Amino acid sequence: MTYISAVGHAAKILGNHSLVNLVNIEAPYIILDGFEINATSVISDAVGDSTHQGHHLMLLNNLIHDAGGAGIGFAKTDYLTVYGNGIYNNAFPNPVKASGISVYEPEQVTGFVATAADSTPFHIVIQNNVVWAIAPKIHVLDSWVRAIGRPRYYRG
């Protein structure tokens, strides 16, 4: 399923005092492209998954801001592309800290059989994003050392 804003950042998704992610992706094969995601009053992440069921997800060209948690936060997912997003002013009220972009303990998709289209060297691609104004002493980009024992690709 693809959701595309007709005019870049003109379509807005607004916060609502939620305790869970403002945009909570719980299904595979979702593309979110060109939105402004204003997560004011959201305690958790602006965009993420609470059930860890997402895979083959693409977050492209969005403007994501003012979440209590991460701008983008996923856990135990695979096949994730985060490209061309502006992410700012997140993680300030979060007592457990958060990140601009966070991928925590990625895992292979259970029961998924890869096709030729899935044969890429990297299943998680985070590229050409601009992250600024994140709470002090917070990681802008988390590494996944704990999940695989060593970083495959990380520039800090």
Protein backbone atom coordinates (compact mmCIF):
# COMPACT_ATOMS: atom_id res chain seq x y z
CA MET A 1 0.00 0.00 0.00
CA THR A 2 1.43 3.39 -0.96
CA TYR A 3 0.47 6.70 0.62
CA ILE A 4 1.81 9.74 -1.27
CA SER A 5 1.19 13.40 -0.50
CA ALA A 6 0.07 15.17 -3.69
CA VAL A 7 2.27 18.15 -2.84
CA GLY A 8 5.38 17.59 -0.72
CA HIS A 9 4.66 18.08 2.99
CA ALA A 10 1.24 19.62 2.22
CA ALA A 11 -0.60 16.61 3.62
CA LYS A 12 -0.23 16.66 7.40
CA ILE A 13 -0.58 13.96 10.03
CA LEU A 14 -1.06 15.63 13.42
CA GLY A 15 -0.42 14.40 16.99
CA ASN A 16 -3.24 13.55 19.37
CA HIS A 17 -1.85 13.01 22.91
CA SER A 18 -1.13 9.39 22.05
CA LEU A 19 0.91 7.00 24.18
CA VAL A 20 1.83 4.93 21.12
CA ASN A 21 3.35 5.88 17.79
CA LEU A 22 1.47 8.55 15.87
CA VAL A 23 1.91 6.54 12.65
CA ASN A 24 1.94 2.93 13.80
CA ILE A 25 2.76 0.59 10.91
CA GLU A 26 1.61 -2.95 11.68
CA ALA A 27 1.59 -4.45 8.19
CA PRO A 28 4.16 -5.28 5.53
CA TYR A 29 4.67 -3.53 2.18
CA ILE A 30 3.83 0.05 3.19
CA ILE A 31 5.24 3.23 1.60
CA LEU A 32 4.75 6.64 3.22
CA ASP A 33 5.99 9.45 0.94
CA GLY A 34 5.99 13.25 1.27
CA PHE A 35 4.00 13.92 4.45
CA GLU A 36 4.53 16.33 7.30
CA ILE A 37 4.19 14.28 10.47
CA ASN A 38 3.69 16.63 13.42
CA ALA A 39 3.82 14.42 16.50
CA THR A 40 3.23 17.17 19.07
CA SER A 41 1.80 15.60 22.25
CA VAL A 42 2.80 12.08 21.20
CA ILE A 43 4.79 10.46 24.01
CA SER A 44 6.23 7.67 21.87
CA ASP A 45 7.76 7.70 18.37
CA ALA A 46 6.36 9.72 15.48
CA VAL A 47 6.59 6.74 13.08
CA GLY A 48 7.20 3.16 14.14
CA ASP A 49 5.76 -0.26 14.86
CA SER A 50 4.47 -1.50 18.19
CA THR A 51 3.78 -5.08 17.11
CA HIS A 52 7.07 -5.66 15.24
CA GLN A 53 5.21 -7.10 12.25
CA GLY A 54 6.39 -4.63 9.62
CA HIS A 55 8.74 -5.48 6.79
CA HIS A 56 9.33 -4.06 3.32
CA LEU A 57 8.60 -0.57 4.62
CA MET A 58 9.66 2.69 2.97
CA LEU A 59 9.61 6.13 4.59
CA LEU A 60 10.49 8.64 1.87
CA ASN A 61 10.73 12.45 1.77
CA ASN A 62 8.75 13.11 4.96
CA LEU A 63 9.12 15.97 7.44
CA ILE A 64 8.89 14.40 10.92
CA HIS A 65 8.99 16.46 14.11
CA ASP A 66 8.07 17.08 17.73
CA ALA A 67 7.67 13.48 18.96
CA GLY A 68 8.38 12.62 22.58
CA GLY A 69 10.29 9.57 21.38
CA ALA A 70 12.20 8.91 18.15
CA GLY A 71 11.30 10.56 14.89
CA ILE A 72 11.43 7.10 13.30
CA GLY A 73 11.68 4.05 15.56
CA PHE A 74 11.46 0.42 14.53
CA ALA A 75 12.32 -2.79 16.36
CA LYS A 76 12.71 -6.37 15.14
CA THR A 77 11.94 -5.46 11.55
CA ASP A 78 13.58 -6.24 8.21
CA TYR A 79 13.58 -4.67 4.74
CA LEU A 80 13.30 -1.05 5.85
CA THR A 81 14.21 1.99 3.73
CA VAL A 82 14.39 5.45 5.31
CA TYR A 83 15.36 7.96 2.62
CA GLY A 84 15.25 11.74 2.16
CA ASN A 85 13.45 12.62 5.40
CA GLY A 86 13.86 15.75 7.53
CA ILE A 87 13.65 14.79 11.21
CA TYR A 88 13.85 17.35 14.01
CA ASN A 89 12.84 18.40 17.51
CA ASN A 90 12.27 14.88 18.83
CA ALA A 91 13.06 12.98 22.07
CA PHE A 92 13.05 15.98 24.42
CA PRO A 93 10.44 14.83 27.00
CA ASN A 94 11.26 11.11 26.79
CA PRO A 95 12.69 9.84 30.12
CA VAL A 96 14.19 6.68 28.56
CA LYS A 97 15.77 8.63 25.72
CA ALA A 98 15.21 8.11 22.03
CA SER A 99 16.84 8.86 18.70
CA GLY A 100 16.26 10.71 15.47
CA ILE A 101 16.19 7.37 13.62
CA SER A 102 16.28 4.10 15.54
CA VAL A 103 16.34 0.51 14.31
CA TYR A 104 16.58 -1.72 17.36
CA GLU A 105 17.51 -5.40 17.09
CA PRO A 106 16.50 -6.04 13.45
CA GLU A 107 15.45 -9.61 12.73
CA GLN A 108 14.71 -11.72 9.71
CA VAL A 109 11.03 -11.99 8.90
CA THR A 110 9.67 -15.27 10.27
CA GLY A 111 8.18 -17.46 7.53
CA PHE A 112 9.14 -15.07 4.74
CA VAL A 113 10.67 -16.60 1.61
CA ALA A 114 12.84 -14.08 -0.22
CA THR A 115 12.39 -13.58 -3.95
CA ALA A 116 14.89 -12.31 -6.52
CA ALA A 117 13.67 -8.76 -5.78
CA ASP A 118 14.77 -9.19 -2.15
CA SER A 119 18.34 -10.22 -2.94
CA THR A 120 20.04 -6.99 -1.88
CA PRO A 121 23.18 -6.94 0.24
CA PHE A 122 21.51 -4.65 2.82
CA HIS A 123 17.95 -5.10 4.02
CA ILE A 124 17.94 -1.88 6.07
CA VAL A 125 18.90 1.30 4.22
CA ILE A 126 19.04 4.68 5.97
CA GLN A 127 20.27 7.27 3.49
CA ASN A 128 20.12 11.01 2.66
CA ASN A 129 18.15 12.02 5.76
CA VAL A 130 18.75 15.25 7.66
CA VAL A 131 18.34 15.00 11.43
CA TRP A 132 18.67 18.02 13.72
CA ALA A 133 17.54 19.46 17.08
CA ILE A 134 17.36 16.12 18.89
CA ALA A 135 17.46 16.08 22.71
CA PRO A 136 21.01 16.51 24.09
CA LYS A 137 23.16 13.39 24.48
CA ILE A 138 20.84 11.39 22.23
CA HIS A 139 22.02 9.28 19.31
CA VAL A 140 21.08 10.58 15.91
CA LEU A 141 21.52 7.14 14.36
CA ASP A 142 21.67 3.98 16.47
CA SER A 143 23.91 1.11 15.45
CA TRP A 144 22.73 -2.46 15.65
CA VAL A 145 25.89 -3.90 17.21
CA ARG A 146 23.95 -5.72 19.92
CA ALA A 147 21.70 -7.48 17.42
CA ILE A 148 24.39 -8.90 15.13
CA GLY A 149 27.53 -8.66 17.25
CA ARG A 150 29.29 -6.20 14.95
CA PRO A 151 28.25 -3.25 12.81
CA ARG A 152 27.90 -3.94 9.10
CA TYR A 153 27.74 -0.31 8.13
CA TYR A 154 27.94 2.63 10.47
CA ARG A 155 29.37 6.07 10.11
CA GLY A 156 29.14 8.01 13.35
